[in-house]
Amino acid sequence: MYGGVDKTGKTAILEKGLKYEPISFSPRELSFLAGRKLTKEEIFNAFGLPLGLYDKESNRANSEQASYTYMRDTISPRHRRQEQKINEQLLPRYGNGDKLFCAYENCIPEDKEFKHRARIESVDKIITRNEARREEGKEDIEGGDQLYVDSRLIPLGTSPETEGEKELEEASKIIAEKVKEKLNVH
């Protein structure tokens, strides 16, 4: 009876005890919902939590960065404060303060991607291939203790001219002489 585009705006009459329930939110209810978001942000800030940890639209990179930031800026400073208080106030009560101390392990996760890129860039320039292999728990390889320079990867301490390059140079001279001879003959 009230459906369709042509009957838009007509007043509906509710009969037989039907009650009207609004389908949309009133402006007052909408402002309440917006206020809940601000309240959530205030609570997160009070506890040092980044919003990225609990954001519905967060991807993996954002979540990992939020976790890293939380550990670095919130948890690690709390650990340092607790260590200091325990070491200066509690442990001296239990004997020699020189032998007892409290220390938390580092809770900040390492950036594996950055560490991997740094290793790739330093191999053959700063550390040898065998040093990198030892860090990974692998055996040394033959010729892996050599450092290289430039993009041509020439071993340090050797001259750029090798036997192969000398032979190539001699062959190119011979070819150049033969070409000259052919040009002079014609």
N, C-alpha and C. Protein backbone atom coordinates (compact mmCIF):
# COMPACT_ATOMS: atom_id res chain seq x y z
N MET A 1 0.82 -1.19 0.00
CA MET A 1 0.00 0.00 0.00
C MET A 1 0.87 1.27 0.00
N TYR A 2 2.05 1.19 0.65
CA TYR A 2 2.92 2.38 0.71
C TYR A 2 4.22 2.16 -0.07
N GLY A 3 4.33 1.11 -0.83
CA GLY A 3 5.55 0.81 -1.56
C GLY A 3 5.56 1.47 -2.92
N GLY A 4 6.77 1.64 -3.46
CA GLY A 4 6.90 2.20 -4.79
C GLY A 4 7.35 3.64 -4.78
N VAL A 5 7.90 4.07 -5.91
CA VAL A 5 8.45 5.41 -6.02
C VAL A 5 7.35 6.46 -6.04
N ASP A 6 6.24 6.16 -6.66
CA ASP A 6 5.18 7.15 -6.79
C ASP A 6 4.45 7.44 -5.48
N LYS A 7 4.64 6.60 -4.46
CA LYS A 7 3.97 6.81 -3.17
C LYS A 7 4.94 7.31 -2.11
N THR A 8 6.06 7.84 -2.54
CA THR A 8 7.06 8.34 -1.61
C THR A 8 6.53 9.55 -0.87
N GLY A 9 6.78 9.60 0.45
CA GLY A 9 6.39 10.75 1.25
C GLY A 9 5.00 10.67 1.84
N LYS A 10 4.19 9.65 1.49
CA LYS A 10 2.86 9.51 2.06
C LYS A 10 2.98 9.09 3.52
N THR A 11 2.08 9.55 4.35
CA THR A 11 2.09 9.21 5.76
C THR A 11 1.46 7.85 5.96
N ALA A 12 2.18 7.00 6.66
CA ALA A 12 1.66 5.66 6.92
C ALA A 12 0.82 5.69 8.19
N ILE A 13 -0.28 4.97 8.15
CA ILE A 13 -1.15 4.86 9.32
C ILE A 13 -0.95 3.45 9.88
N LEU A 14 -0.59 3.40 11.14
CA LEU A 14 -0.34 2.12 11.78
C LEU A 14 -1.59 1.69 12.53
N GLU A 15 -2.08 0.54 12.20
CA GLU A 15 -3.31 0.04 12.81
C GLU A 15 -3.01 -1.19 13.65
N LYS A 16 -3.96 -1.57 14.48
CA LYS A 16 -3.96 -2.80 15.25
C LYS A 16 -2.73 -2.93 16.14
N GLY A 17 -2.30 -1.88 16.82
CA GLY A 17 -1.24 -1.95 17.82
C GLY A 17 0.18 -1.94 17.28
N LEU A 18 0.38 -1.66 16.01
CA LEU A 18 1.73 -1.59 15.45
C LEU A 18 2.43 -0.35 15.99
N LYS A 19 3.74 -0.48 16.25
CA LYS A 19 4.51 0.65 16.76
C LYS A 19 5.58 1.03 15.75
N TYR A 20 5.82 2.31 15.65
CA TYR A 20 6.82 2.84 14.72
C TYR A 20 8.22 2.70 15.34
N GLU A 21 9.14 2.13 14.58
CA GLU A 21 10.55 2.06 15.00
C GLU A 21 11.39 2.70 13.89
N PRO A 22 12.20 3.70 14.24
CA PRO A 22 12.99 4.38 13.21
C PRO A 22 14.04 3.44 12.60
N ILE A 23 14.25 3.59 11.31
CA ILE A 23 15.21 2.77 10.60
C ILE A 23 16.61 3.38 10.67
N SER A 24 16.70 4.69 10.69
CA SER A 24 18.00 5.37 10.71
C SER A 24 18.26 5.95 12.10
N PHE A 25 19.52 6.36 12.32
CA PHE A 25 19.91 6.95 13.60
C PHE A 25 19.60 8.44 13.60
N SER A 26 19.26 8.94 14.76
CA SER A 26 19.04 10.37 14.90
C SER A 26 20.40 11.06 14.98
N PRO A 27 20.48 12.38 14.74
CA PRO A 27 21.77 13.07 14.85
C PRO A 27 22.41 12.92 16.22
N ARG A 28 21.59 12.85 17.25
CA ARG A 28 22.12 12.69 18.60
C ARG A 28 22.81 11.32 18.75
N GLU A 29 22.18 10.27 18.19
CA GLU A 29 22.77 8.93 18.26
C GLU A 29 24.05 8.86 17.43
N LEU A 30 24.07 9.56 16.29
CA LEU A 30 25.28 9.56 15.45
C LEU A 30 26.43 10.24 16.16
N SER A 31 26.18 11.32 16.87
CA SER A 31 27.25 12.00 17.60
C SER A 31 27.76 11.11 18.73
N PHE A 32 26.89 10.32 19.32
CA PHE A 32 27.31 9.38 20.37
C PHE A 32 28.27 8.34 19.79
N LEU A 33 27.97 7.82 18.60
CA LEU A 33 28.85 6.83 17.96
C LEU A 33 30.21 7.43 17.62
N ALA A 34 30.22 8.68 17.16
CA ALA A 34 31.49 9.34 16.85
C ALA A 34 32.29 9.56 18.14
N GLY A 35 31.59 9.87 19.22
CA GLY A 35 32.25 10.05 20.51
C GLY A 35 32.88 8.77 21.03
N ARG A 36 32.28 7.63 20.71
CA ARG A 36 32.85 6.35 21.14
C ARG A 36 34.22 6.12 20.50
N LYS A 37 34.37 6.55 19.25
CA LYS A 37 35.66 6.41 18.57
C LYS A 37 36.72 7.25 19.28
N LEU A 38 36.35 8.48 19.65
CA LEU A 38 37.29 9.34 20.37
C LEU A 38 37.64 8.75 21.74
N THR A 39 36.65 8.15 22.41
CA THR A 39 36.90 7.51 23.70
C THR A 39 37.87 6.35 23.55
N LYS A 40 37.69 5.58 22.48
CA LYS A 40 38.59 4.46 22.21
C LYS A 40 40.02 4.97 22.02
N GLU A 41 40.18 6.06 21.26
CA GLU A 41 41.52 6.62 21.04
C GLU A 41 42.14 7.12 22.34
N GLU A 42 41.33 7.73 23.21
CA GLU A 42 41.84 8.21 24.49
C GLU A 42 42.32 7.05 25.37
N ILE A 43 41.55 5.98 25.39
CA ILE A 43 41.95 4.81 26.18
C ILE A 43 43.23 4.21 25.63
N PHE A 44 43.34 4.08 24.31
CA PHE A 44 44.55 3.55 23.69
C PHE A 44 45.76 4.41 24.04
N ASN A 45 45.59 5.72 23.96
CA ASN A 45 46.69 6.64 24.28
C ASN A 45 47.09 6.54 25.75
N ALA A 46 46.12 6.35 26.64
CA ALA A 46 46.42 6.24 28.07
C ALA A 46 47.28 5.03 28.37
N PHE A 47 47.09 3.95 27.65
CA PHE A 47 47.87 2.73 27.88
C PHE A 47 49.04 2.58 26.91
N GLY A 48 49.27 3.58 26.06
CA GLY A 48 50.40 3.54 25.13
C GLY A 48 50.22 2.58 23.98
N LEU A 49 48.99 2.25 23.65
CA LEU A 49 48.73 1.30 22.56
C LEU A 49 48.55 2.05 21.24
N PRO A 50 49.21 1.62 20.17
CA PRO A 50 48.95 2.23 18.86
C PRO A 50 47.63 1.71 18.31
N LEU A 51 46.90 2.57 17.62
CA LEU A 51 45.61 2.18 17.05
C LEU A 51 45.74 1.09 16.00
N GLY A 52 46.89 1.01 15.35
CA GLY A 52 47.11 0.02 14.31
C GLY A 52 47.03 -1.42 14.80
N LEU A 53 47.20 -1.64 16.10
CA LEU A 53 47.12 -3.01 16.62
C LEU A 53 45.70 -3.56 16.54
N TYR A 54 44.70 -2.70 16.69
CA TYR A 54 43.32 -3.17 16.74
C TYR A 54 42.45 -2.58 15.64
N ASP A 55 43.05 -2.03 14.63
CA ASP A 55 42.31 -1.45 13.53
C ASP A 55 41.78 -2.56 12.62
N LYS A 56 40.52 -2.48 12.25
CA LYS A 56 39.91 -3.51 11.39
C LYS A 56 40.49 -3.50 9.98
N GLU A 57 40.90 -2.32 9.53
CA GLU A 57 41.38 -2.18 8.16
C GLU A 57 42.90 -2.25 8.07
N SER A 58 43.55 -2.70 9.10
CA SER A 58 45.01 -2.75 9.13
C SER A 58 45.52 -3.95 8.36
N ASN A 59 46.59 -3.76 7.59
CA ASN A 59 47.21 -4.88 6.90
C ASN A 59 48.41 -5.39 7.72
N ARG A 60 49.09 -6.38 7.21
CA ARG A 60 50.18 -7.01 7.97
C ARG A 60 51.31 -6.03 8.27
N ALA A 61 51.69 -5.25 7.29
CA ALA A 61 52.79 -4.30 7.49
C ALA A 61 52.44 -3.28 8.57
N ASN A 62 51.21 -2.76 8.54
CA ASN A 62 50.78 -1.80 9.55
C ASN A 62 50.75 -2.44 10.93
N SER A 63 50.26 -3.67 11.01
CA SER A 63 50.19 -4.36 12.29
C SER A 63 51.58 -4.62 12.86
N GLU A 64 52.51 -5.05 12.01
CA GLU A 64 53.87 -5.30 12.47
C GLU A 64 54.54 -4.01 12.94
N GLN A 65 54.32 -2.93 12.20
CA GLN A 65 54.89 -1.65 12.59
C GLN A 65 54.28 -1.16 13.90
N ALA A 66 52.97 -1.36 14.07
CA ALA A 66 52.31 -0.96 15.31
C ALA A 66 52.84 -1.77 16.49
N SER A 67 53.04 -3.05 16.28
CA SER A 67 53.59 -3.91 17.35
C SER A 67 55.01 -3.47 17.70
N TYR A 68 55.82 -3.18 16.69
CA TYR A 68 57.19 -2.73 16.92
C TYR A 68 57.19 -1.41 17.71
N THR A 69 56.33 -0.48 17.31
CA THR A 69 56.25 0.82 17.99
C THR A 69 55.79 0.65 19.43
N TYR A 70 54.82 -0.22 19.66
CA TYR A 70 54.32 -0.47 21.00
C TYR A 70 55.42 -1.03 21.90
N MET A 71 56.16 -2.00 21.40
CA MET A 71 57.25 -2.58 22.19
C MET A 71 58.35 -1.56 22.46
N ARG A 72 58.70 -0.78 21.44
CA ARG A 72 59.79 0.18 21.57
C ARG A 72 59.42 1.36 22.47
N ASP A 73 58.22 1.90 22.30
CA ASP A 73 57.86 3.13 22.99
C ASP A 73 57.10 2.93 24.29
N THR A 74 56.55 1.75 24.52
CA THR A 74 55.75 1.53 25.73
C THR A 74 56.35 0.46 26.63
N ILE A 75 56.51 -0.74 26.11
CA ILE A 75 56.93 -1.87 26.95
C ILE A 75 58.39 -1.75 27.36
N SER A 76 59.27 -1.48 26.42
CA SER A 76 60.70 -1.41 26.75
C SER A 76 61.01 -0.33 27.80
N PRO A 77 60.46 0.89 27.70
CA PRO A 77 60.71 1.87 28.78
C PRO A 77 60.17 1.42 30.14
N ARG A 78 59.05 0.72 30.14
CA ARG A 78 58.51 0.20 31.40
C ARG A 78 59.46 -0.85 31.98
N HIS A 79 60.00 -1.69 31.13
CA HIS A 79 60.98 -2.68 31.60
C HIS A 79 62.19 -1.99 32.23
N ARG A 80 62.70 -0.96 31.55
CA ARG A 80 63.88 -0.26 32.08
C ARG A 80 63.59 0.36 33.45
N ARG A 81 62.40 0.98 33.60
CA ARG A 81 62.02 1.58 34.90
C ARG A 81 61.91 0.51 35.99
N GLN A 82 61.28 -0.61 35.66
CA GLN A 82 61.14 -1.69 36.63
C GLN A 82 62.51 -2.24 37.04
N GLU A 83 63.39 -2.43 36.05
CA GLU A 83 64.75 -2.90 36.35
C GLU A 83 65.44 -1.96 37.34
N GLN A 84 65.37 -0.67 37.06
CA GLN A 84 66.04 0.31 37.91
C GLN A 84 65.50 0.28 39.34
N LYS A 85 64.19 0.24 39.49
CA LYS A 85 63.60 0.22 40.82
C LYS A 85 63.93 -1.07 41.56
N ILE A 86 63.87 -2.19 40.88
CA ILE A 86 64.20 -3.47 41.52
C ILE A 86 65.66 -3.47 41.95
N ASN A 87 66.55 -3.00 41.06
CA ASN A 87 67.98 -3.01 41.37
C ASN A 87 68.35 -2.03 42.48
N GLU A 88 67.67 -0.90 42.58
CA GLU A 88 68.06 0.09 43.60
C GLU A 88 67.31 -0.07 44.91
N GLN A 89 66.11 -0.67 44.89
CA GLN A 89 65.34 -0.74 46.13
C GLN A 89 65.14 -2.16 46.67
N LEU A 90 64.90 -3.13 45.82
CA LEU A 90 64.55 -4.47 46.30
C LEU A 90 65.77 -5.37 46.50
N LEU A 91 66.63 -5.46 45.52
CA LEU A 91 67.76 -6.40 45.60
C LEU A 91 68.77 -6.09 46.70
N PRO A 92 69.03 -4.83 47.06
CA PRO A 92 69.94 -4.59 48.17
C PRO A 92 69.47 -5.19 49.50
N ARG A 93 68.19 -5.46 49.64
CA ARG A 93 67.66 -6.08 50.85
C ARG A 93 68.06 -7.55 50.97
N TYR A 94 68.46 -8.15 49.85
CA TYR A 94 68.76 -9.58 49.83
C TYR A 94 70.24 -9.87 49.68
N GLY A 95 71.08 -9.09 50.29
CA GLY A 95 72.50 -9.40 50.30
C GLY A 95 73.30 -8.40 49.50
N ASN A 96 74.42 -8.89 49.02
CA ASN A 96 75.39 -8.07 48.31
C ASN A 96 74.78 -7.56 47.00
N GLY A 97 74.68 -6.26 46.86
CA GLY A 97 74.09 -5.66 45.67
C GLY A 97 74.95 -5.79 44.43
N ASP A 98 76.24 -6.19 44.62
CA ASP A 98 77.13 -6.32 43.46
C ASP A 98 76.86 -7.62 42.71
N LYS A 99 76.38 -8.64 43.40
CA LYS A 99 76.19 -9.94 42.77
C LYS A 99 74.78 -10.11 42.18
N LEU A 100 73.82 -9.43 42.74
CA LEU A 100 72.44 -9.55 42.27
C LEU A 100 72.06 -8.36 41.39
N PHE A 101 71.39 -8.65 40.32
CA PHE A 101 70.85 -7.57 39.49
C PHE A 101 69.68 -8.12 38.69
N CYS A 102 68.83 -7.23 38.26
CA CYS A 102 67.65 -7.59 37.46
C CYS A 102 67.80 -6.95 36.09
N ALA A 103 67.53 -7.72 35.06
CA ALA A 103 67.57 -7.20 33.69
C ALA A 103 66.59 -8.00 32.83
N TYR A 104 65.73 -7.29 32.13
CA TYR A 104 64.80 -7.93 31.19
C TYR A 104 65.52 -8.14 29.86
N GLU A 105 65.09 -9.17 29.15
CA GLU A 105 65.58 -9.35 27.79
C GLU A 105 64.97 -8.28 26.91
N ASN A 106 65.62 -8.01 25.79
CA ASN A 106 65.11 -7.01 24.86
C ASN A 106 63.81 -7.51 24.24
N CYS A 107 62.74 -6.77 24.41
CA CYS A 107 61.43 -7.20 23.91
C CYS A 107 61.14 -6.62 22.53
N ILE A 108 61.98 -5.74 22.03
CA ILE A 108 61.73 -5.09 20.74
C ILE A 108 62.07 -6.09 19.64
N PRO A 109 61.10 -6.43 18.79
CA PRO A 109 61.38 -7.40 17.72
C PRO A 109 62.35 -6.79 16.70
N GLU A 110 63.25 -7.63 16.20
CA GLU A 110 64.21 -7.12 15.21
C GLU A 110 63.55 -7.03 13.85
N ASP A 111 64.01 -6.09 13.08
CA ASP A 111 63.49 -5.89 11.73
C ASP A 111 64.23 -6.85 10.81
N LYS A 112 63.63 -8.00 10.54
CA LYS A 112 64.29 -9.06 9.78
C LYS A 112 64.57 -8.64 8.34
N GLU A 113 63.65 -7.92 7.74
CA GLU A 113 63.83 -7.49 6.36
C GLU A 113 65.01 -6.52 6.24
N PHE A 114 65.10 -5.57 7.16
CA PHE A 114 66.21 -4.62 7.14
C PHE A 114 67.53 -5.35 7.36
N LYS A 115 67.56 -6.27 8.30
CA LYS A 115 68.78 -7.02 8.59
C LYS A 115 69.22 -7.84 7.37
N HIS A 116 68.25 -8.43 6.67
CA HIS A 116 68.56 -9.22 5.48
C HIS A 116 69.14 -8.33 4.37
N ARG A 117 68.50 -7.16 4.14
CA ARG A 117 69.01 -6.25 3.11
C ARG A 117 70.41 -5.75 3.45
N ALA A 118 70.65 -5.45 4.73
CA ALA A 118 71.96 -4.96 5.15
C ALA A 118 73.02 -6.04 4.93
N ARG A 119 72.69 -7.29 5.20
CA ARG A 119 73.66 -8.38 4.99
C ARG A 119 73.97 -8.53 3.51
N ILE A 120 72.95 -8.49 2.67
CA ILE A 120 73.17 -8.64 1.23
C ILE A 120 74.09 -7.54 0.71
N GLU A 121 73.87 -6.30 1.18
CA GLU A 121 74.68 -5.18 0.72
C GLU A 121 76.10 -5.23 1.25
N SER A 122 76.33 -5.87 2.39
CA SER A 122 77.67 -5.88 2.98
C SER A 122 78.52 -7.08 2.54
N VAL A 123 77.89 -8.15 2.06
CA VAL A 123 78.65 -9.33 1.64
C VAL A 123 79.52 -8.97 0.45
N ASP A 124 80.75 -9.43 0.47
CA ASP A 124 81.78 -9.21 -0.55
C ASP A 124 82.37 -7.80 -0.49
N LYS A 125 81.80 -6.90 0.30
CA LYS A 125 82.37 -5.56 0.41
C LYS A 125 82.91 -5.31 1.82
N ILE A 126 82.12 -5.68 2.84
CA ILE A 126 82.52 -5.46 4.23
C ILE A 126 82.85 -6.78 4.92
N ILE A 127 81.99 -7.79 4.70
CA ILE A 127 82.27 -9.12 5.23
C ILE A 127 82.38 -10.10 4.07
N THR A 128 83.12 -11.16 4.30
CA THR A 128 83.30 -12.16 3.23
C THR A 128 82.09 -13.08 3.19
N ARG A 129 82.00 -13.83 2.11
CA ARG A 129 80.90 -14.79 1.96
C ARG A 129 80.95 -15.84 3.07
N ASN A 130 82.17 -16.27 3.42
CA ASN A 130 82.30 -17.28 4.46
C ASN A 130 81.87 -16.73 5.82
N GLU A 131 82.15 -15.46 6.11
CA GLU A 131 81.69 -14.87 7.38
C GLU A 131 80.17 -14.84 7.43
N ALA A 132 79.54 -14.51 6.31
CA ALA A 132 78.08 -14.50 6.25
C ALA A 132 77.53 -15.92 6.41
N ARG A 133 78.21 -16.89 5.81
CA ARG A 133 77.79 -18.29 5.93
C ARG A 133 77.93 -18.78 7.37
N ARG A 134 78.99 -18.36 8.05
CA ARG A 134 79.18 -18.76 9.46
C ARG A 134 78.07 -18.19 10.34
N GLU A 135 77.64 -16.95 10.07
CA GLU A 135 76.54 -16.35 10.84
C GLU A 135 75.26 -17.16 10.67
N GLU A 136 75.09 -17.77 9.51
CA GLU A 136 73.91 -18.58 9.24
C GLU A 136 74.08 -20.02 9.71
N GLY A 137 75.29 -20.37 10.20
CA GLY A 137 75.54 -21.72 10.67
C GLY A 137 75.89 -22.69 9.56
N LYS A 138 76.39 -22.19 8.43
CA LYS A 138 76.75 -23.04 7.30
C LYS A 138 78.26 -23.16 7.20
N GLU A 139 78.71 -24.16 6.44
CA GLU A 139 80.15 -24.40 6.27
C GLU A 139 80.76 -23.40 5.29
N ASP A 140 82.08 -23.20 5.41
CA ASP A 140 82.80 -22.32 4.50
C ASP A 140 82.85 -22.93 3.10
N ILE A 141 83.00 -22.06 2.11
CA ILE A 141 83.16 -22.52 0.73
C ILE A 141 84.52 -22.07 0.22
N GLU A 142 85.01 -22.73 -0.78
CA GLU A 142 86.30 -22.39 -1.34
C GLU A 142 86.21 -21.05 -2.06
N GLY A 143 87.17 -20.15 -1.79
CA GLY A 143 87.19 -18.83 -2.40
C GLY A 143 86.22 -17.86 -1.74
N GLY A 144 85.65 -18.23 -0.61
CA GLY A 144 84.67 -17.39 0.05
C GLY A 144 85.27 -16.40 1.04
N ASP A 145 86.61 -16.37 1.15
CA ASP A 145 87.26 -15.44 2.08
C ASP A 145 87.81 -14.21 1.37
N GLN A 146 87.36 -13.96 0.16
CA GLN A 146 87.86 -12.87 -0.66
C GLN A 146 86.87 -11.70 -0.62
N LEU A 147 87.38 -10.48 -0.44
CA LEU A 147 86.55 -9.27 -0.53
C LEU A 147 86.68 -8.69 -1.93
N TYR A 148 85.64 -8.08 -2.44
CA TYR A 148 85.63 -7.53 -3.81
C TYR A 148 85.30 -6.05 -3.78
N VAL A 149 85.70 -5.35 -4.84
CA VAL A 149 85.37 -3.93 -4.99
C VAL A 149 84.77 -3.71 -6.36
N ASP A 150 84.09 -2.57 -6.53
CA ASP A 150 83.48 -2.15 -7.79
C ASP A 150 82.39 -3.12 -8.23
N SER A 151 81.73 -2.74 -9.29
CA SER A 151 80.66 -3.58 -9.81
C SER A 151 81.20 -4.75 -10.62
N ARG A 152 82.49 -4.70 -10.97
CA ARG A 152 83.08 -5.80 -11.73
C ARG A 152 83.49 -6.93 -10.81
N LEU A 153 83.41 -6.73 -9.49
CA LEU A 153 83.74 -7.74 -8.49
C LEU A 153 85.14 -8.31 -8.70
N ILE A 154 86.11 -7.42 -8.61
CA ILE A 154 87.52 -7.80 -8.71
C ILE A 154 88.03 -8.08 -7.30
N PRO A 155 88.68 -9.21 -7.06
CA PRO A 155 89.20 -9.47 -5.71
C PRO A 155 90.19 -8.40 -5.29
N LEU A 156 90.12 -7.97 -4.01
CA LEU A 156 91.05 -7.00 -3.48
C LEU A 156 92.46 -7.57 -3.50
N GLY A 157 93.44 -6.75 -3.83
CA GLY A 157 94.83 -7.18 -3.82
C GLY A 157 95.29 -7.79 -5.14
N THR A 158 94.42 -7.81 -6.16
CA THR A 158 94.82 -8.34 -7.47
C THR A 158 94.71 -7.22 -8.48
N SER A 159 95.46 -7.35 -9.56
CA SER A 159 95.39 -6.34 -10.62
C SER A 159 94.21 -6.67 -11.53
N PRO A 160 93.65 -5.66 -12.15
CA PRO A 160 92.50 -5.91 -13.01
C PRO A 160 92.84 -6.74 -14.24
N GLU A 161 94.10 -6.74 -14.64
CA GLU A 161 94.48 -7.52 -15.82
C GLU A 161 94.77 -8.96 -15.39
N THR A 162 94.01 -9.87 -15.91
CA THR A 162 94.25 -11.29 -15.64
C THR A 162 94.77 -11.92 -16.92
N GLU A 163 95.10 -13.19 -16.83
CA GLU A 163 95.63 -13.89 -18.01
C GLU A 163 94.63 -13.88 -19.16
N GLY A 164 93.36 -14.07 -18.86
CA GLY A 164 92.34 -14.08 -19.91
C GLY A 164 92.24 -12.75 -20.61
N GLU A 165 92.36 -11.66 -19.85
CA GLU A 165 92.29 -10.33 -20.45
C GLU A 165 93.50 -10.06 -21.32
N LYS A 166 94.68 -10.54 -20.91
CA LYS A 166 95.89 -10.36 -21.73
C LYS A 166 95.75 -11.11 -23.04
N GLU A 167 95.25 -12.35 -22.99
CA GLU A 167 95.06 -13.12 -24.21
C GLU A 167 94.05 -12.44 -25.13
N LEU A 168 92.99 -11.92 -24.55
CA LEU A 168 91.97 -11.23 -25.33
C LEU A 168 92.55 -9.99 -26.01
N GLU A 169 93.39 -9.26 -25.27
CA GLU A 169 94.02 -8.07 -25.82
C GLU A 169 94.94 -8.42 -26.98
N GLU A 170 95.74 -9.50 -26.83
CA GLU A 170 96.64 -9.94 -27.90
C GLU A 170 95.85 -10.38 -29.12
N ALA A 171 94.75 -11.10 -28.91
CA ALA A 171 93.93 -11.57 -30.02
C ALA A 171 93.31 -10.38 -30.76
N SER A 172 92.88 -9.38 -30.03
CA SER A 172 92.29 -8.22 -30.69
C SER A 172 93.33 -7.45 -31.50
N LYS A 173 94.59 -7.42 -31.03
CA LYS A 173 95.65 -6.77 -31.80
C LYS A 173 95.90 -7.51 -33.11
N ILE A 174 95.93 -8.83 -33.02
CA ILE A 174 96.16 -9.66 -34.24
C ILE A 174 95.02 -9.43 -35.22
N ILE A 175 93.79 -9.40 -34.74
CA ILE A 175 92.64 -9.19 -35.63
C ILE A 175 92.72 -7.80 -36.26
N ALA A 176 93.11 -6.79 -35.49
CA ALA A 176 93.22 -5.43 -36.02
C ALA A 176 94.28 -5.37 -37.11
N GLU A 177 95.42 -6.06 -36.92
CA GLU A 177 96.48 -6.08 -37.94
C GLU A 177 95.99 -6.74 -39.21
N LYS A 178 95.25 -7.84 -39.10
CA LYS A 178 94.76 -8.55 -40.29
C LYS A 178 93.74 -7.69 -41.04
N VAL A 179 92.92 -6.96 -40.29
CA VAL A 179 91.94 -6.08 -40.94
C VAL A 179 92.67 -4.99 -41.71
N LYS A 180 93.75 -4.42 -41.12
CA LYS A 180 94.52 -3.39 -41.81
C LYS A 180 95.15 -3.95 -43.08
N GLU A 181 95.68 -5.18 -42.99
CA GLU A 181 96.30 -5.80 -44.16
C GLU A 181 95.27 -5.96 -45.28
N LYS A 182 94.08 -6.42 -44.93
CA LYS A 182 93.03 -6.62 -45.95
C LYS A 182 92.63 -5.29 -46.57
N LEU A 183 92.55 -4.24 -45.74
CA LEU A 183 92.17 -2.93 -46.27
C LEU A 183 93.24 -2.38 -47.19
N ASN A 184 94.51 -2.62 -46.89
CA ASN A 184 95.61 -2.13 -47.73
C ASN A 184 95.72 -2.93 -49.02
N VAL A 185 95.32 -4.19 -49.03
CA VAL A 185 95.40 -5.03 -50.20
C VAL A 185 94.41 -4.57 -51.24
N HIS A 186 93.22 -4.23 -50.86
CA HIS A 186 92.20 -3.83 -51.82
C HIS A 186 92.47 -2.48 -52.27
